[in-house]
Amino acid sequence: MKLGAFSVSLSVKDIHASKTFYENLGFAVLAGDISKNYLIMKNENALIGLFQGMFENNILTFNPGWDENAGNIEQFDDVRDIQRQLKSKNIPLTAEADANTSGPAFIMLADPDGNVIYVDQHR
């Protein structure tokens, strides 16, 4: 199962303070819009998303079809195929993609400790 690029999406209290903190750790802004309270930051192959006021807890995020630079990769598992594989293993989903569609879609699930996993396909 190919899940794509991995990042940790952090729920932050002050996006400006968090941006400065992570810049001091060597991260640079890759994408996002600080005026809309979200940034994607990168340090080599490590990605973090900073999100202020969008969700309560931190989230593990995967992006099928993307590499760590948000560049398209040719061979990837569509989120609906990932969904089918998870369901065949009796893994419950908290949000499902419409199996009759194609293109952008997402699914969500939680690990045994309640950590949210977000599989977000953009193409």
Protein backbone atom coordinates (compact mmCIF):
# COMPACT_ATOMS: atom_id res chain seq x y z
CA MET A 1 0.00 0.00 0.00
CA LYS A 2 1.58 3.26 -1.17
CA LEU A 3 0.37 6.15 1.00
CA GLY A 4 2.45 8.92 -0.59
CA ALA A 5 4.20 11.84 1.06
CA PHE A 6 4.08 11.88 4.85
CA SER A 7 3.75 14.89 7.12
CA VAL A 8 2.62 15.67 10.62
CA SER A 9 -0.16 18.24 10.77
CA LEU A 10 0.21 20.22 13.99
CA SER A 11 -2.62 22.08 15.66
CA VAL A 12 -0.88 25.27 16.82
CA LYS A 13 -1.98 28.11 19.10
CA ASP A 14 0.04 30.88 17.41
CA ILE A 15 1.06 30.20 13.82
CA HIS A 16 3.57 33.07 13.78
CA ALA A 17 5.37 31.78 16.88
CA SER A 18 5.32 28.23 15.50
CA LYS A 19 6.66 29.39 12.11
CA THR A 20 9.57 31.14 13.80
CA PHE A 21 10.25 28.14 16.05
CA TYR A 22 10.38 25.68 13.15
CA GLU A 23 12.46 28.08 11.02
CA ASN A 24 14.98 28.05 13.88
CA LEU A 25 15.04 24.24 13.53
CA GLY A 26 15.92 24.60 9.85
CA PHE A 27 12.44 24.32 8.29
CA ALA A 28 11.40 26.64 5.45
CA VAL A 29 7.93 27.43 4.14
CA LEU A 30 7.04 25.15 1.21
CA ALA A 31 3.37 26.06 0.76
CA GLY A 32 0.34 27.49 2.50
CA ASP A 33 -0.91 30.93 3.45
CA ILE A 34 -0.15 32.35 6.89
CA SER A 35 -3.02 34.84 6.49
CA LYS A 36 -5.34 31.80 6.28
CA ASN A 37 -3.66 30.23 9.34
CA TYR A 38 -1.86 27.34 7.67
CA LEU A 39 1.66 26.64 6.40
CA ILE A 40 3.49 23.58 5.12
CA MET A 41 7.15 23.62 6.14
CA LYS A 42 10.03 21.44 5.00
CA ASN A 43 13.48 20.46 6.24
CA GLU A 44 15.12 18.06 3.78
CA ASN A 45 12.59 15.19 3.51
CA ALA A 46 10.73 16.10 6.72
CA LEU A 47 7.37 17.87 6.32
CA ILE A 48 5.17 19.50 8.93
CA GLY A 49 1.94 21.38 8.53
CA LEU A 50 1.09 24.20 10.91
CA PHE A 51 -2.66 24.77 11.33
CA GLN A 52 -4.13 27.36 13.69
CA GLY A 53 -7.79 26.95 14.65
CA MET A 54 -8.60 24.21 12.13
CA PHE A 55 -8.63 21.07 14.28
CA GLU A 56 -8.02 20.09 17.90
CA ASN A 57 -5.30 17.43 17.82
CA ASN A 58 -2.24 16.66 15.75
CA ILE A 59 -2.81 14.48 12.68
CA LEU A 60 -0.63 12.06 10.70
CA THR A 61 -1.11 13.03 7.04
CA PHE A 62 -0.39 11.07 3.86
CA ASN A 63 -0.78 12.38 0.31
CA PRO A 64 -1.09 9.67 -2.35
CA GLY A 65 0.28 10.82 -5.70
CA TRP A 66 2.71 13.36 -4.22
CA ASP A 67 6.36 13.27 -3.29
CA GLU A 68 7.80 15.28 -0.38
CA ASN A 69 7.96 18.40 -2.58
CA ALA A 70 4.23 18.20 -3.50
CA GLY A 71 5.36 17.02 -6.92
CA ASN A 72 3.24 14.50 -8.78
CA ILE A 73 4.44 10.90 -8.90
CA GLU A 74 3.24 8.68 -11.71
CA GLN A 75 2.69 5.38 -9.91
CA PHE A 76 0.57 5.64 -6.76
CA ASP A 77 -2.31 3.90 -5.02
CA ASP A 78 -5.55 5.83 -5.40
CA VAL A 79 -7.18 6.72 -2.09
CA ARG A 80 -10.22 4.60 -3.04
CA ASP A 81 -7.93 1.58 -3.52
CA ILE A 82 -6.35 2.27 -0.12
CA GLN A 83 -9.85 2.52 1.35
CA ARG A 84 -10.79 -0.85 -0.19
CA GLN A 85 -7.65 -2.48 1.22
CA LEU A 86 -8.27 -1.09 4.71
CA LYS A 87 -11.91 -2.19 4.70
CA SER A 88 -10.87 -5.69 3.58
CA LYS A 89 -8.74 -5.81 6.74
CA ASN A 90 -11.71 -4.67 8.86
CA ILE A 91 -10.04 -1.37 9.72
CA PRO A 92 -12.81 1.13 10.52
CA LEU A 93 -12.78 4.48 8.74
CA THR A 94 -14.11 7.68 10.29
CA ALA A 95 -14.50 9.31 6.85
CA GLU A 96 -14.75 7.58 3.50
CA ALA A 97 -14.21 8.57 -0.12
CA ASP A 98 -17.00 7.97 -2.61
CA ALA A 99 -15.89 4.74 -4.28
CA ASN A 100 -17.69 5.75 -7.51
CA THR A 101 -15.57 8.86 -8.11
CA SER A 102 -12.03 9.60 -9.25
CA GLY A 103 -9.56 12.36 -8.57
CA PRO A 104 -9.23 14.29 -5.30
CA ALA A 105 -10.68 12.60 -2.22
CA PHE A 106 -9.76 11.70 1.33
CA ILE A 107 -10.29 9.10 4.02
CA MET A 108 -9.72 9.26 7.76
CA LEU A 109 -9.10 6.65 10.40
CA ALA A 110 -7.64 6.38 13.87
CA ASP A 111 -4.91 4.12 15.17
CA PRO A 112 -5.46 2.05 18.34
CA ASP A 113 -4.38 5.01 20.50
CA GLY A 114 -6.80 7.43 18.86
CA ASN A 115 -4.24 9.22 16.69
CA VAL A 116 -5.98 10.53 13.59
CA ILE A 117 -4.64 9.47 10.20
CA TYR A 118 -5.67 11.57 7.20
CA VAL A 119 -5.08 10.21 3.70
CA ASP A 120 -5.63 13.20 1.40
CA GLN A 121 -5.29 12.76 -2.37
CA HIS A 122 -5.10 16.03 -4.30
CA ARG A 123 -5.33 14.72 -7.86
